[in-house]
């Protein structure tokens, strides 16, 4: 991931927090679970997620075992 230096220190710090957070990765392992759905909703207003998207682009998740209904 490439970091652009034109972002402020708060944005860079929040992006770093988001990048190292395993909660979203855990939720993506079972995206249809209640926790997965909660985290998908949470991303819409999470300041760390927004900072990560601004600095690095949106997170991508690799999951080979997608949960089925």
Protein backbone atom coordinates (compact mmCIF):
# COMPACT_ATOMS: atom_id res chain seq x y z
CA UNK A 1 0.00 0.00 0.00
CA UNK A 2 1.19 3.42 -0.87
CA UNK A 3 0.77 6.33 1.52
CA UNK A 4 0.44 9.85 0.19
CA UNK A 5 2.06 12.52 2.34
CA UNK A 6 -0.55 15.17 1.46
CA UNK A 7 -2.86 13.87 4.21
CA UNK A 8 -2.87 15.32 7.71
CA UNK A 9 -1.50 13.52 10.76
CA UNK A 10 -4.96 12.63 12.10
CA UNK A 11 -6.01 11.06 8.80
CA UNK A 12 -2.76 9.09 8.60
CA UNK A 13 -3.13 7.88 12.20
CA UNK A 14 -6.73 6.77 11.67
CA UNK A 15 -5.74 4.99 8.45
CA UNK A 16 -2.99 3.16 10.32
CA UNK A 17 -5.45 2.09 13.04
CA UNK A 18 -7.86 0.77 10.42
CA UNK A 19 -5.12 -1.01 8.48
CA UNK A 20 -4.00 -2.92 11.58
CA UNK A 21 -7.51 -3.71 12.85
CA UNK A 22 -8.56 -7.34 12.54
CA UNK A 23 -12.22 -6.75 13.35
CA UNK A 24 -13.28 -6.12 9.74
CA UNK A 25 -11.31 -9.13 8.51
CA UNK A 26 -13.08 -11.27 11.11
CA UNK A 27 -16.45 -9.94 9.97
CA UNK A 28 -15.61 -10.63 6.31
CA UNK A 29 -14.96 -14.30 7.04
CA UNK A 30 -18.71 -14.63 7.71
CA UNK A 31 -20.28 -11.65 5.95
CA UNK A 32 -23.87 -12.84 6.38
CA UNK A 33 -23.56 -13.35 10.14
CA UNK A 34 -25.05 -10.73 12.45
CA UNK A 35 -21.53 -9.48 13.22
CA UNK A 36 -20.64 -9.32 9.51
CA UNK A 37 -23.77 -7.32 8.75
CA UNK A 38 -23.13 -4.98 11.68
CA UNK A 39 -19.61 -4.25 10.49
CA UNK A 40 -20.77 -3.65 6.91
CA UNK A 41 -23.23 -1.07 8.27
CA UNK A 42 -20.56 0.39 10.56
CA UNK A 43 -18.17 1.08 7.66
CA UNK A 44 -20.53 3.70 6.30
CA UNK A 45 -19.68 6.09 9.14
CA UNK A 46 -16.43 4.75 10.65
CA UNK A 47 -13.81 7.55 10.67
CA UNK A 48 -10.91 5.07 10.56
CA UNK A 49 -12.41 3.30 7.51
CA UNK A 50 -12.93 6.65 5.78
CA UNK A 51 -9.34 7.66 6.49
CA UNK A 52 -8.02 4.33 5.21
CA UNK A 53 -10.08 4.68 2.03
CA UNK A 54 -8.81 8.22 1.53
CA UNK A 55 -5.14 7.32 2.03
CA UNK A 56 -4.91 3.78 0.59
CA UNK A 57 -8.17 3.20 -1.24
CA UNK A 58 -10.87 0.87 0.03
CA UNK A 59 -9.83 -2.27 1.89
CA UNK A 60 -10.08 -5.47 -0.06
CA UNK A 61 -10.73 -8.78 1.60
CA UNK A 62 -9.78 -12.18 0.30
CA UNK A 63 -12.11 -14.86 1.55
CA UNK A 64 -12.28 -18.27 -0.05
CA UNK A 65 -15.01 -19.55 2.27
CA UNK A 66 -17.93 -17.22 1.66
CA UNK A 67 -20.78 -17.93 4.00
CA UNK A 68 -23.93 -19.15 2.32
CA UNK A 69 -27.50 -18.85 3.53
